[in-house]
Amino acid sequence: MSLTSAATLATLDRTGPRRITDLAAVEGVTQPAMTTLVRVMEESGLVERRGHASDKRVTLVCLTEAGASYVRTRRQAGVHAFERLIGELTGDEVEALVAALPALKHLAELENQDREGPKQ
């Protein structure tokens, strides 16, 4: 799976259903490229398209259970990788990481705000 595909699934997991144009903007790709990507992920059973509840002209891309499971599995694999790596650090290095956590959390929040834009 491409990084853009994985990032798109993660965005849908965090933000809920989105328009293709919104996903393209968030992921930094063109609308035609996102349309193609969504079609491939739809054929793989990771996403599905649904009508918008209040505007029948709008189609939203939604994460399927298989897509949500994929995101959870990747996140868990990342957690295990970091656990293993952190286990190899010295005590001083672990303390430095702990001290940096508030700043890292703030950076992640800023990045999410930039990437997600306005919610639907």
PDB file of N, CA and C in Angstrom:
ATOM      1  N   MET A   1       0.852  -1.183   0.000  1.00  0.00           N
ATOM      2  CA  MET A   1       0.000   0.000   0.000  1.00  0.00           C
ATOM      3  C   MET A   1       0.891   1.237   0.000  1.00  0.00           C
ATOM      4  N   SER A   2       0.498   2.236  -0.776  1.00  0.00           N
ATOM      5  CA  SER A   2       1.285   3.463  -0.847  1.00  0.00           C
ATOM      6  C   SER A   2       1.127   4.293   0.423  1.00  0.00           C
ATOM      7  N   LEU A   3       2.078   5.188   0.640  1.00  0.00           N
ATOM      8  CA  LEU A   3       1.987   6.082   1.796  1.00  0.00           C
ATOM      9  C   LEU A   3       0.746   6.963   1.704  1.00  0.00           C
ATOM     10  N   THR A   4       0.405   7.407   0.500  1.00  0.00           N
ATOM     11  CA  THR A   4      -0.791   8.244   0.341  1.00  0.00           C
ATOM     12  C   THR A   4      -2.050   7.465   0.676  1.00  0.00           C
ATOM     13  N   SER A   5      -2.104   6.208   0.278  1.00  0.00           N
ATOM     14  CA  SER A   5      -3.256   5.366   0.614  1.00  0.00           C
ATOM     15  C   SER A   5      -3.377   5.206   2.124  1.00  0.00           C
ATOM     16  N   ALA A   6      -2.262   4.866   2.768  1.00  0.00           N
ATOM     17  CA  ALA A   6      -2.275   4.688   4.225  1.00  0.00           C
ATOM     18  C   ALA A   6      -2.641   5.988   4.926  1.00  0.00           C
ATOM     19  N   ALA A   7      -2.097   7.111   4.447  1.00  0.00           N
ATOM     20  CA  ALA A   7      -2.407   8.411   5.055  1.00  0.00           C
ATOM     21  C   ALA A   7      -3.882   8.759   4.862  1.00  0.00           C
ATOM     22  N   THR A   8      -4.435   8.438   3.705  1.00  0.00           N
ATOM     23  CA  THR A   8      -5.851   8.717   3.439  1.00  0.00           C
ATOM     24  C   THR A   8      -6.740   7.899   4.364  1.00  0.00           C
ATOM     25  N   LEU A   9      -6.406   6.630   4.557  1.00  0.00           N
ATOM     26  CA  LEU A   9      -7.172   5.794   5.482  1.00  0.00           C
ATOM     27  C   LEU A   9      -7.092   6.352   6.898  1.00  0.00           C
ATOM     28  N   ALA A  10      -5.904   6.784   7.309  1.00  0.00           N
ATOM     29  CA  ALA A  10      -5.731   7.351   8.649  1.00  0.00           C
ATOM     30  C   ALA A  10      -6.541   8.643   8.794  1.00  0.00           C
ATOM     31  N   THR A  11      -6.571   9.463   7.761  1.00  0.00           N
ATOM     32  CA  THR A  11      -7.367  10.696   7.791  1.00  0.00           C
ATOM     33  C   THR A  11      -8.845  10.366   7.967  1.00  0.00           C
ATOM     34  N   LEU A  12      -9.338   9.402   7.201  1.00  0.00           N
ATOM     35  CA  LEU A  12     -10.741   9.010   7.322  1.00  0.00           C
ATOM     36  C   LEU A  12     -11.037   8.447   8.708  1.00  0.00           C
ATOM     37  N   ASP A  13     -10.091   7.726   9.274  1.00  0.00           N
ATOM     38  CA  ASP A  13     -10.270   7.178  10.615  1.00  0.00           C
ATOM     39  C   ASP A  13     -10.365   8.299  11.651  1.00  0.00           C
ATOM     40  N   ARG A  14      -9.521   9.320  11.511  1.00  0.00           N
ATOM     41  CA  ARG A  14      -9.503  10.435  12.467  1.00  0.00           C
ATOM     42  C   ARG A  14     -10.682  11.387  12.282  1.00  0.00           C
ATOM     43  N   THR A  15     -11.046  11.664  11.044  1.00  0.00           N
ATOM     44  CA  THR A  15     -11.999  12.746  10.784  1.00  0.00           C
ATOM     45  C   THR A  15     -13.375  12.297  10.351  1.00  0.00           C
ATOM     46  N   GLY A  16     -13.513  11.029   9.995  1.00  0.00           N
ATOM     47  CA  GLY A  16     -14.798  10.555   9.493  1.00  0.00           C
ATOM     48  C   GLY A  16     -14.913  10.777   7.990  1.00  0.00           C
ATOM     49  N   PRO A  17     -16.086  10.489   7.440  1.00  0.00           N
ATOM     50  CA  PRO A  17     -16.289  10.580   5.995  1.00  0.00           C
ATOM     51  C   PRO A  17     -15.926  11.956   5.443  1.00  0.00           C
ATOM     52  N   ARG A  18     -15.340  11.948   4.244  1.00  0.00           N
ATOM     53  CA  ARG A  18     -14.910  13.195   3.592  1.00  0.00           C
ATOM     54  C   ARG A  18     -15.223  13.136   2.103  1.00  0.00           C
ATOM     55  N   ARG A  19     -15.348  14.300   1.499  1.00  0.00           N
ATOM     56  CA  ARG A  19     -15.448  14.404   0.040  1.00  0.00           C
ATOM     57  C   ARG A  19     -14.077  14.100  -0.568  1.00  0.00           C
ATOM     58  N   ILE A  20     -14.092  13.619  -1.792  1.00  0.00           N
ATOM     59  CA  ILE A  20     -12.840  13.342  -2.487  1.00  0.00           C
ATOM     60  C   ILE A  20     -12.007  14.623  -2.615  1.00  0.00           C
ATOM     61  N   THR A  21     -12.652  15.732  -2.909  1.00  0.00           N
ATOM     62  CA  THR A  21     -11.899  16.986  -3.042  1.00  0.00           C
ATOM     63  C   THR A  21     -11.226  17.377  -1.733  1.00  0.00           C
ATOM     64  N   ASP A  22     -11.898  17.156  -0.613  1.00  0.00           N
ATOM     65  CA  ASP A  22     -11.297  17.442   0.695  1.00  0.00           C
ATOM     66  C   ASP A  22     -10.110  16.518   0.959  1.00  0.00           C
ATOM     67  N   LEU A  23     -10.276  15.234   0.666  1.00  0.00           N
ATOM     68  CA  LEU A  23      -9.187  14.286   0.868  1.00  0.00           C
ATOM     69  C   LEU A  23      -7.974  14.653   0.016  1.00  0.00           C
ATOM     70  N   ALA A  24      -8.230  15.046  -1.228  1.00  0.00           N
ATOM     71  CA  ALA A  24      -7.126  15.437  -2.113  1.00  0.00           C
ATOM     72  C   ALA A  24      -6.358  16.613  -1.529  1.00  0.00           C
ATOM     73  N   ALA A  25      -7.079  17.601  -1.013  1.00  0.00           N
ATOM     74  CA  ALA A  25      -6.419  18.775  -0.429  1.00  0.00           C
ATOM     75  C   ALA A  25      -5.628  18.394   0.811  1.00  0.00           C
ATOM     76  N   VAL A  26      -6.210  17.584   1.673  1.00  0.00           N
ATOM     77  CA  VAL A  26      -5.548  17.181   2.920  1.00  0.00           C
ATOM     78  C   VAL A  26      -4.281  16.375   2.620  1.00  0.00           C
ATOM     79  N   GLU A  27      -4.351  15.491   1.651  1.00  0.00           N
ATOM     80  CA  GLU A  27      -3.217  14.613   1.351  1.00  0.00           C
ATOM     81  C   GLU A  27      -2.243  15.219   0.352  1.00  0.00           C
ATOM     82  N   GLY A  28      -2.570  16.384  -0.190  1.00  0.00           N
ATOM     83  CA  GLY A  28      -1.648  17.074  -1.091  1.00  0.00           C
ATOM     84  C   GLY A  28      -1.514  16.438  -2.460  1.00  0.00           C
ATOM     85  N   VAL A  29      -2.616  15.893  -2.966  1.00  0.00           N
ATOM     86  CA  VAL A  29      -2.618  15.319  -4.312  1.00  0.00           C
ATOM     87  C   VAL A  29      -3.738  15.962  -5.123  1.00  0.00           C
ATOM     88  N   THR A  30      -3.739  15.713  -6.413  1.00  0.00           N
ATOM     89  CA  THR A  30      -4.788  16.269  -7.259  1.00  0.00           C
ATOM     90  C   THR A  30      -6.094  15.507  -7.047  1.00  0.00           C
ATOM     91  N   GLN A  31      -7.194  16.142  -7.409  1.00  0.00           N
ATOM     92  CA  GLN A  31      -8.502  15.488  -7.288  1.00  0.00           C
ATOM     93  C   GLN A  31      -8.579  14.247  -8.179  1.00  0.00           C
ATOM     94  N   PRO A  32      -8.081  14.287  -9.436  1.00  0.00           N
ATOM     95  CA  PRO A  32      -8.115  13.051 -10.232  1.00  0.00           C
ATOM     96  C   PRO A  32      -7.284  11.921  -9.622  1.00  0.00           C
ATOM     97  N   ALA A  33      -6.133  12.265  -9.035  1.00  0.00           N
ATOM     98  CA  ALA A  33      -5.306  11.230  -8.393  1.00  0.00           C
ATOM     99  C   ALA A  33      -6.040  10.628  -7.194  1.00  0.00           C
ATOM    100  N   MET A  34      -6.722  11.470  -6.412  1.00  0.00           N
ATOM    101  CA  MET A  34      -7.471  10.955  -5.259  1.00  0.00           C
ATOM    102  C   MET A  34      -8.644  10.106  -5.725  1.00  0.00           C
ATOM    103  N   THR A  35      -9.302  10.504  -6.789  1.00  0.00           N
ATOM    104  CA  THR A  35     -10.411   9.712  -7.324  1.00  0.00           C
ATOM    105  C   THR A  35      -9.929   8.313  -7.692  1.00  0.00           C
ATOM    106  N   THR A  36      -8.777   8.234  -8.347  1.00  0.00           N
ATOM    107  CA  THR A  36      -8.201   6.943  -8.715  1.00  0.00           C
ATOM    108  C   THR A  36      -7.835   6.143  -7.472  1.00  0.00           C
ATOM    109  N   LEU A  37      -7.214   6.800  -6.511  1.00  0.00           N
ATOM    110  CA  LEU A  37      -6.820   6.145  -5.268  1.00  0.00           C
ATOM    111  C   LEU A  37      -8.039   5.595  -4.526  1.00  0.00           C
ATOM    112  N   VAL A  38      -9.089   6.402  -4.440  1.00  0.00           N
ATOM    113  CA  VAL A  38     -10.314   5.965  -3.755  1.00  0.00           C
ATOM    114  C   VAL A  38     -10.922   4.772  -4.490  1.00  0.00           C
ATOM    115  N   ARG A  39     -10.914   4.794  -5.822  1.00  0.00           N
ATOM    116  CA  ARG A  39     -11.465   3.669  -6.586  1.00  0.00           C
ATOM    117  C   ARG A  39     -10.704   2.380  -6.272  1.00  0.00           C
ATOM    118  N   VAL A  40      -9.367   2.462  -6.214  1.00  0.00           N
ATOM    119  CA  VAL A  40      -8.553   1.279  -5.905  1.00  0.00           C
ATOM    120  C   VAL A  40      -8.842   0.791  -4.482  1.00  0.00           C
ATOM    121  N   MET A  41      -8.910   1.721  -3.530  1.00  0.00           N
ATOM    122  CA  MET A  41      -9.196   1.322  -2.143  1.00  0.00           C
ATOM    123  C   MET A  41     -10.619   0.783  -2.007  1.00  0.00           C
ATOM    124  N   GLU A  42     -11.527   1.314  -2.799  1.00  0.00           N
ATOM    125  CA  GLU A  42     -12.909   0.818  -2.789  1.00  0.00           C
ATOM    126  C   GLU A  42     -12.947  -0.625  -3.313  1.00  0.00           C
ATOM    127  N   GLU A  43     -12.210  -0.882  -4.394  1.00  0.00           N
ATOM    128  CA  GLU A  43     -12.150  -2.237  -4.954  1.00  0.00           C
ATOM    129  C   GLU A  43     -11.504  -3.213  -3.978  1.00  0.00           C
ATOM    130  N   SER A  44     -10.627  -2.699  -3.118  1.00  0.00           N
ATOM    131  CA  SER A  44      -9.967  -3.536  -2.100  1.00  0.00           C
ATOM    132  C   SER A  44     -10.821  -3.709  -0.851  1.00  0.00           C
ATOM    133  N   GLY A  45     -11.957  -3.016  -0.788  1.00  0.00           N
ATOM    134  CA  GLY A  45     -12.854  -3.142   0.360  1.00  0.00           C
ATOM    135  C   GLY A  45     -12.472  -2.294   1.555  1.00  0.00           C
ATOM    136  N   LEU A  46     -11.547  -1.340   1.377  1.00  0.00           N
ATOM    137  CA  LEU A  46     -11.098  -0.514   2.492  1.00  0.00           C
ATOM    138  C   LEU A  46     -11.959   0.730   2.709  1.00  0.00           C
ATOM    139  N   VAL A  47     -12.573   1.223   1.645  1.00  0.00           N
ATOM    140  CA  VAL A  47     -13.460   2.386   1.735  1.00  0.00           C
ATOM    141  C   VAL A  47     -14.709   2.113   0.910  1.00  0.00           C
ATOM    142  N   GLU A  48     -15.718   2.938   1.154  1.00  0.00           N
ATOM    143  CA  GLU A  48     -16.929   2.893   0.333  1.00  0.00           C
ATOM    144  C   GLU A  48     -17.432   4.318   0.165  1.00  0.00           C
ATOM    145  N   ARG A  49     -18.210   4.514  -0.868  1.00  0.00           N
ATOM    146  CA  ARG A  49     -18.801   5.829  -1.109  1.00  0.00           C
ATOM    147  C   ARG A  49     -20.257   5.800  -0.660  1.00  0.00           C
ATOM    148  N   ARG A  50     -20.655   6.883   0.019  1.00  0.00           N
ATOM    149  CA  ARG A  50     -22.039   7.004   0.493  1.00  0.00           C
ATOM    150  C   ARG A  50     -22.541   8.399   0.185  1.00  0.00           C
ATOM    151  N   GLY A  51     -23.840   8.508   0.064  1.00  0.00           N
ATOM    152  CA  GLY A  51     -24.452   9.818  -0.125  1.00  0.00           C
ATOM    153  C   GLY A  51     -24.434  10.606   1.174  1.00  0.00           C
ATOM    154  N   HIS A  52     -24.393  11.918   1.063  1.00  0.00           N
ATOM    155  CA  HIS A  52     -24.440  12.808   2.231  1.00  0.00           C
ATOM    156  C   HIS A  52     -25.877  12.860   2.733  1.00  0.00           C
ATOM    157  N   ALA A  53     -26.072  12.812   4.042  1.00  0.00           N
ATOM    158  CA  ALA A  53     -27.416  12.762   4.627  1.00  0.00           C
ATOM    159  C   ALA A  53     -28.251  13.985   4.269  1.00  0.00           C
ATOM    160  N   SER A  54     -27.647  15.170   4.263  1.00  0.00           N
ATOM    161  CA  SER A  54     -28.437  16.381   4.040  1.00  0.00           C
ATOM    162  C   SER A  54     -28.314  16.950   2.632  1.00  0.00           C
ATOM    163  N   ASP A  55     -27.386  16.442   1.827  1.00  0.00           N
ATOM    164  CA  ASP A  55     -27.214  16.946   0.463  1.00  0.00           C
ATOM    165  C   ASP A  55     -26.959  15.760  -0.457  1.00  0.00           C
ATOM    166  N   LYS A  56     -27.996  15.337  -1.142  1.00  0.00           N
ATOM    167  CA  LYS A  56     -27.925  14.134  -1.971  1.00  0.00           C
ATOM    168  C   LYS A  56     -26.983  14.275  -3.156  1.00  0.00           C
ATOM    169  N   ARG A  57     -26.543  15.505  -3.471  1.00  0.00           N
ATOM    170  CA  ARG A  57     -25.602  15.705  -4.575  1.00  0.00           C
ATOM    171  C   ARG A  57     -24.173  15.349  -4.163  1.00  0.00           C
ATOM    172  N   VAL A  58     -23.924  15.254  -2.871  1.00  0.00           N
ATOM    173  CA  VAL A  58     -22.576  15.038  -2.342  1.00  0.00           C
ATOM    174  C   VAL A  58     -22.348  13.561  -2.073  1.00  0.00           C
ATOM    175  N   THR A  59     -21.167  13.092  -2.472  1.00  0.00           N
ATOM    176  CA  THR A  59     -20.744  11.728  -2.164  1.00  0.00           C
ATOM    177  C   THR A  59     -19.565  11.806  -1.200  1.00  0.00           C
ATOM    178  N   LEU A  60     -19.644  11.024  -0.145  1.00  0.00           N
ATOM    179  CA  LEU A  60     -18.580  10.983   0.856  1.00  0.00           C
ATOM    180  C   LEU A  60     -17.846   9.649   0.788  1.00  0.00           C
ATOM    181  N   VAL A  61     -16.557   9.695   1.040  1.00  0.00           N
ATOM    182  CA  VAL A  61     -15.750   8.481   1.132  1.00  0.00           C
ATOM    183  C   VAL A  61     -15.718   8.089   2.601  1.00  0.00           C
ATOM    184  N   CYS A  62     -16.074   6.837   2.883  1.00  0.00           N
ATOM    185  CA  CYS A  62     -16.167   6.339   4.257  1.00  0.00           C
ATOM    186  C   CYS A  62     -15.257   5.132   4.421  1.00  0.00           C
ATOM    187  N   LEU A  63     -14.691   5.010   5.582  1.00  0.00           N
ATOM    188  CA  LEU A  63     -13.863   3.861   5.930  1.00  0.00           C
ATOM    189  C   LEU A  63     -14.770   2.658   6.191  1.00  0.00           C
ATOM    190  N   THR A  64     -14.431   1.515   5.639  1.00  0.00           N
ATOM    191  CA  THR A  64     -15.156   0.279   5.946  1.00  0.00           C
ATOM    192  C   THR A  64     -14.533  -0.341   7.200  1.00  0.00           C
ATOM    193  N   GLU A  65     -15.135  -1.391   7.697  1.00  0.00           N
ATOM    194  CA  GLU A  65     -14.558  -2.094   8.843  1.00  0.00           C
ATOM    195  C   GLU A  65     -13.180  -2.645   8.487  1.00  0.00           C
ATOM    196  N   ALA A  66     -13.027  -3.145   7.255  1.00  0.00           N
ATOM    197  CA  ALA A  66     -11.718  -3.653   6.833  1.00  0.00           C
ATOM    198  C   ALA A  66     -10.688  -2.519   6.812  1.00  0.00           C
ATOM    199  N   GLY A  67     -11.096  -1.335   6.370  1.00  0.00           N
ATOM    200  CA  GLY A  67     -10.196  -0.188   6.364  1.00  0.00           C
ATOM    201  C   GLY A  67      -9.821   0.234   7.770  1.00  0.00           C
ATOM    202  N   ALA A  68     -10.791   0.262   8.660  1.00  0.00           N
ATOM    203  CA  ALA A  68     -10.526   0.626  10.054  1.00  0.00           C
ATOM    204  C   ALA A  68      -9.604  -0.401  10.702  1.00  0.00           C
ATOM    205  N   SER A  69      -9.803  -1.674  10.402  1.00  0.00           N
ATOM    206  CA  SER A  69      -8.949  -2.725  10.931  1.00  0.00           C
ATOM    207  C   SER A  69      -7.516  -2.563  10.426  1.00  0.00           C
ATOM    208  N   TYR A  70      -7.364  -2.207   9.164  1.00  0.00           N
ATOM    209  CA  TYR A  70      -6.035  -1.984   8.596  1.00  0.00           C
ATOM    210  C   TYR A  70      -5.321  -0.847   9.331  1.00  0.00           C
ATOM    211  N   VAL A  71      -6.035   0.260   9.570  1.00  0.00           N
ATOM    212  CA  VAL A  71      -5.446   1.407  10.273  1.00  0.00           C
ATOM    213  C   VAL A  71      -5.040   0.991  11.684  1.00  0.00           C
ATOM    214  N   ARG A  72      -5.905   0.283  12.391  1.00  0.00           N
ATOM    215  CA  ARG A  72      -5.577  -0.165  13.751  1.00  0.00           C
ATOM    216  C   ARG A  72      -4.343  -1.059  13.763  1.00  0.00           C
ATOM    217  N   THR A  73      -4.264  -1.972  12.816  1.00  0.00           N
ATOM    218  CA  THR A  73      -3.135  -2.898  12.734  1.00  0.00           C
ATOM    219  C   THR A  73      -1.830  -2.148  12.480  1.00  0.00           C
ATOM    220  N   ARG A  74      -1.855  -1.172  11.566  1.00  0.00           N
ATOM    221  CA  ARG A  74      -0.640  -0.381  11.285  1.00  0.00           C
ATOM    222  C   ARG A  74      -0.228   0.442  12.498  1.00  0.00           C
ATOM    223  N   ARG A  75      -1.201   1.036  13.169  1.00  0.00           N
ATOM    224  CA  ARG A  75      -0.868   1.820  14.363  1.00  0.00           C
ATOM    225  C   ARG A  75      -0.258   0.940  15.437  1.00  0.00           C
ATOM    226  N   GLN A  76      -0.820  -0.236  15.644  1.00  0.00           N
ATOM    227  CA  GLN A  76      -0.298  -1.150  16.660  1.00  0.00           C
ATOM    228  C   GLN A  76       1.110  -1.596  16.302  1.00  0.00           C
ATOM    229  N   ALA A  77       1.364  -1.848  15.026  1.00  0.00           N
ATOM    230  CA  ALA A  77       2.715  -2.223  14.602  1.00  0.00           C
ATOM    231  C   ALA A  77       3.698  -1.088  14.888  1.00  0.00           C
ATOM    232  N   GLY A  78       3.279   0.142  14.673  1.00  0.00           N
ATOM    233  CA  GLY A  78       4.120   1.288  14.980  1.00  0.00           C
ATOM    234  C   GLY A  78       4.406   1.401  16.466  1.00  0.00           C
ATOM    235  N   VAL A  79       3.397   1.153  17.275  1.00  0.00           N
ATOM    236  CA  VAL A  79       3.574   1.196  18.730  1.00  0.00           C
ATOM    237  C   VAL A  79       4.597   0.147  19.159  1.00  0.00           C
ATOM    238  N   HIS A  80       4.470  -1.065  18.632  1.00  0.00           N
ATOM    239  CA  HIS A  80       5.402  -2.131  19.006  1.00  0.00           C
ATOM    240  C   HIS A  80       6.832  -1.793  18.573  1.00  0.00           C
ATOM    241  N   ALA A  81       6.970  -1.195  17.383  1.00  0.00           N
ATOM    242  CA  ALA A  81       8.306  -0.817  16.907  1.00  0.00           C
ATOM    243  C   ALA A  81       8.932   0.222  17.831  1.00  0.00           C
ATOM    244  N   PHE A  82       8.145   1.232  18.235  1.00  0.00           N
ATOM    245  CA  PHE A  82       8.678   2.243  19.145  1.00  0.00           C
ATOM    246  C   PHE A  82       8.992   1.661  20.520  1.00  0.00           C
ATOM    247  N   GLU A  83       8.149   0.772  21.002  1.00  0.00           N
ATOM    248  CA  GLU A  83       8.429   0.134  22.297  1.00  0.00           C
ATOM    249  C   GLU A  83       9.767  -0.582  22.272  1.00  0.00           C
ATOM    250  N   ARG A  84      10.001  -1.315  21.195  1.00  0.00           N
ATOM    251  CA  ARG A  84      11.257  -2.055  21.067  1.00  0.00           C
ATOM    252  C   ARG A  84      12.438  -1.088  21.022  1.00  0.00           C
ATOM    253  N   LEU A  85      12.319  -0.036  20.233  1.00  0.00           N
ATOM    254  CA  LEU A  85      13.421   0.919  20.097  1.00  0.00           C
ATOM    255  C   LEU A  85      13.668   1.693  21.390  1.00  0.00           C
ATOM    256  N   ILE A  86      12.608   2.103  22.053  1.00  0.00           N
ATOM    257  CA  ILE A  86      12.756   2.846  23.313  1.00  0.00           C
ATOM    258  C   ILE A  86      13.420   1.951  24.362  1.00  0.00           C
ATOM    259  N   GLY A  87      13.141   0.669  24.297  1.00  0.00           N
ATOM    260  CA  GLY A  87      13.761  -0.274  25.216  1.00  0.00           C
ATOM    261  C   GLY A  87      15.277  -0.348  25.070  1.00  0.00           C
ATOM    262  N   GLU A  88      15.804   0.114  23.954  1.00  0.00           N
ATOM    263  CA  GLU A  88      17.251   0.091  23.715  1.00  0.00           C
ATOM    264  C   GLU A  88      17.940   1.397  24.129  1.00  0.00           C
ATOM    265  N   LEU A  89      17.177   2.393  24.583  1.00  0.00           N
ATOM    266  CA  LEU A  89      17.755   3.677  24.989  1.00  0.00           C
ATOM    267  C   LEU A  89      18.290   3.622  26.417  1.00  0.00           C
ATOM    268  N   THR A  90      19.180   4.555  26.712  1.00  0.00           N
ATOM    269  CA  THR A  90      19.678   4.683  28.090  1.00  0.00           C
ATOM    270  C   THR A  90      18.620   5.398  28.925  1.00  0.00           C
ATOM    271  N   GLY A  91      18.785   5.359  30.228  1.00  0.00           N
ATOM    272  CA  GLY A  91      17.857   6.046  31.129  1.00  0.00           C
ATOM    273  C   GLY A  91      17.793   7.541  30.850  1.00  0.00           C
ATOM    274  N   ASP A  92      18.947   8.157  30.597  1.00  0.00           N
ATOM    275  CA  ASP A  92      18.980   9.593  30.299  1.00  0.00           C
ATOM    276  C   ASP A  92      18.242   9.902  28.999  1.00  0.00           C
ATOM    277  N   GLU A  93      18.382   9.038  28.021  1.00  0.00           N
ATOM    278  CA  GLU A  93      17.701   9.250  26.746  1.00  0.00           C
ATOM    279  C   GLU A  93      16.188   9.124  26.907  1.00  0.00           C
ATOM    280  N   VAL A  94      15.746   8.173  27.715  1.00  0.00           N
ATOM    281  CA  VAL A  94      14.317   8.021  27.981  1.00  0.00           C
ATOM    282  C   VAL A  94      13.788   9.264  28.695  1.00  0.00           C
ATOM    283  N   GLU A  95      14.531   9.759  29.671  1.00  0.00           N
ATOM    284  CA  GLU A  95      14.123  10.975  30.385  1.00  0.00           C
ATOM    285  C   GLU A  95      14.018  12.157  29.421  1.00  0.00           C
ATOM    286  N   ALA A  96      14.950  12.269  28.485  1.00  0.00           N
ATOM    287  CA  ALA A  96      14.906  13.355  27.500  1.00  0.00           C
ATOM    288  C   ALA A  96      13.667  13.236  26.622  1.00  0.00           C
ATOM    289  N   LEU A  97      13.312  12.004  26.243  1.00  0.00           N
ATOM    290  CA  LEU A  97      12.089  11.799  25.455  1.00  0.00           C
ATOM    291  C   LEU A  97      10.847  12.199  26.245  1.00  0.00           C
ATOM    292  N   VAL A  98      10.793  11.794  27.487  1.00  0.00           N
ATOM    293  CA  VAL A  98       9.649  12.133  28.336  1.00  0.00           C
ATOM    294  C   VAL A  98       9.523  13.643  28.471  1.00  0.00           C
ATOM    295  N   ALA A  99      10.647  14.326  28.657  1.00  0.00           N
ATOM    296  CA  ALA A  99      10.624  15.783  28.788  1.00  0.00           C
ATOM    297  C   ALA A  99      10.156  16.456  27.497  1.00  0.00           C
ATOM    298  N   ALA A 100      10.403  15.820  26.358  1.00  0.00           N
ATOM    299  CA  ALA A 100      10.031  16.400  25.065  1.00  0.00           C
ATOM    300  C   ALA A 100       8.583  16.109  24.675  1.00  0.00           C
ATOM    301  N   LEU A 101       7.903  15.219  25.389  1.00  0.00           N
ATOM    302  CA  LEU A 101       6.548  14.806  24.992  1.00  0.00           C
ATOM    303  C   LEU A 101       5.555  15.963  24.850  1.00  0.00           C
ATOM    304  N   PRO A 102       5.505  16.933  25.769  1.00  0.00           N
ATOM    305  CA  PRO A 102       4.549  18.029  25.569  1.00  0.00           C
ATOM    306  C   PRO A 102       4.780  18.798  24.257  1.00  0.00           C
ATOM    307  N   ALA A 103       6.029  19.055  23.921  1.00  0.00           N
ATOM    308  CA  ALA A 103       6.320  19.766  22.679  1.00  0.00           C
ATOM    309  C   ALA A 103       5.968  18.902  21.466  1.00  0.00           C
ATOM    310  N   LEU A 104       6.257  17.609  21.530  1.00  0.00           N
ATOM    311  CA  LEU A 104       5.918  16.715  20.426  1.00  0.00           C
ATOM    312  C   LEU A 104       4.405  16.599  20.242  1.00  0.00           C
ATOM    313  N   LYS A 105       3.688  16.556  21.350  1.00  0.00           N
ATOM    314  CA  LYS A 105       2.223  16.503  21.274  1.00  0.00           C
ATOM    315  C   LYS A 105       1.686  17.767  20.615  1.00  0.00           C
ATOM    316  N   HIS A 106       2.225  18.914  20.987  1.00  0.00           N
ATOM    317  CA  HIS A 106       1.784  20.170  20.388  1.00  0.00           C
ATOM    318  C   HIS A 106       2.087  20.192  18.890  1.00  0.00           C
ATOM    319  N   LEU A 107       3.261  19.707  18.482  1.00  0.00           N
ATOM    320  CA  LEU A 107       3.580  19.636  17.055  1.00  0.00           C
ATOM    321  C   LEU A 107       2.584  18.754  16.302  1.00  0.00           C
ATOM    322  N   ALA A 108       2.225  17.617  16.895  1.00  0.00           N
ATOM    323  CA  ALA A 108       1.262  16.722  16.252  1.00  0.00           C
ATOM    324  C   ALA A 108      -0.100  17.393  16.113  1.00  0.00           C
ATOM    325  N   GLU A 109      -0.511  18.137  17.130  1.00  0.00           N
ATOM    326  CA  GLU A 109      -1.788  18.851  17.064  1.00  0.00           C
ATOM    327  C   GLU A 109      -1.761  19.902  15.966  1.00  0.00           C
ATOM    328  N   LEU A 110      -0.663  20.633  15.854  1.00  0.00           N
ATOM    329  CA  LEU A 110      -0.534  21.644  14.799  1.00  0.00           C
ATOM    330  C   LEU A 110      -0.571  20.999  13.413  1.00  0.00           C
ATOM    331  N   GLU A 111       0.117  19.874  13.265  1.00  0.00           N
ATOM    332  CA  GLU A 111       0.129  19.165  11.991  1.00  0.00           C
ATOM    333  C   GLU A 111      -1.274  18.684  11.631  1.00  0.00           C
ATOM    334  N   ASN A 112      -1.985  18.133  12.596  1.00  0.00           N
ATOM    335  CA  ASN A 112      -3.350  17.665  12.339  1.00  0.00           C
ATOM    336  C   ASN A 112      -4.252  18.799  11.917  1.00  0.00           C
ATOM    337  N   GLN A 113      -4.121  19.949  12.540  1.00  0.00           N
ATOM    338  CA  GLN A 113      -4.930  21.110  12.162  1.00  0.00           C
ATOM    339  C   GLN A 113      -4.638  21.514  10.724  1.00  0.00           C
ATOM    340  N   ASP A 114      -3.380  21.530  10.354  1.00  0.00           N
ATOM    341  CA  ASP A 114      -3.000  21.892   8.983  1.00  0.00           C
ATOM    342  C   ASP A 114      -3.515  20.895   7.976  1.00  0.00           C
ATOM    343  N   ARG A 115      -3.373  19.588   8.285  1.00  0.00           N
ATOM    344  CA  ARG A 115      -3.744  18.539   7.339  1.00  0.00           C
ATOM    345  C   ARG A 115      -5.256  18.380   7.207  1.00  0.00           C
ATOM    346  N   GLU A 116      -5.968  18.493   8.305  1.00  0.00           N
ATOM    347  CA  GLU A 116      -7.391  18.190   8.285  1.00  0.00           C
ATOM    348  C   GLU A 116      -8.241  19.333   7.791  1.00  0.00           C
ATOM    349  N   GLY A 117      -7.821  20.531   8.021  1.00  0.00           N
ATOM    350  CA  GLY A 117      -8.635  21.667   7.620  1.00  0.00           C
ATOM    351  C   GLY A 117      -9.983  21.622   8.318  1.00  0.00           C
ATOM    352  N   PRO A 118     -10.985  22.290   7.762  1.00  0.00           N
ATOM    353  CA  PRO A 118     -12.310  22.300   8.403  1.00  0.00           C
ATOM    354  C   PRO A 118     -12.968  20.930   8.320  1.00  0.00           C
ATOM    355  N   LYS A 119     -13.618  20.526   9.407  1.00  0.00           N
ATOM    356  CA  LYS A 119     -14.329  19.241   9.431  1.00  0.00           C
ATOM    357  C   LYS A 119     -15.670  19.380   8.712  1.00  0.00           C
ATOM    358  N   GLN A 120     -16.133  18.238   8.191  1.00  0.00           N
ATOM    359  CA  GLN A 120     -17.435  18.197   7.498  1.00  0.00           C
ATOM    360  C   GLN A 120     -18.560  18.092   8.491  1.00  0.00           C
TER     361      GLN A 120
END
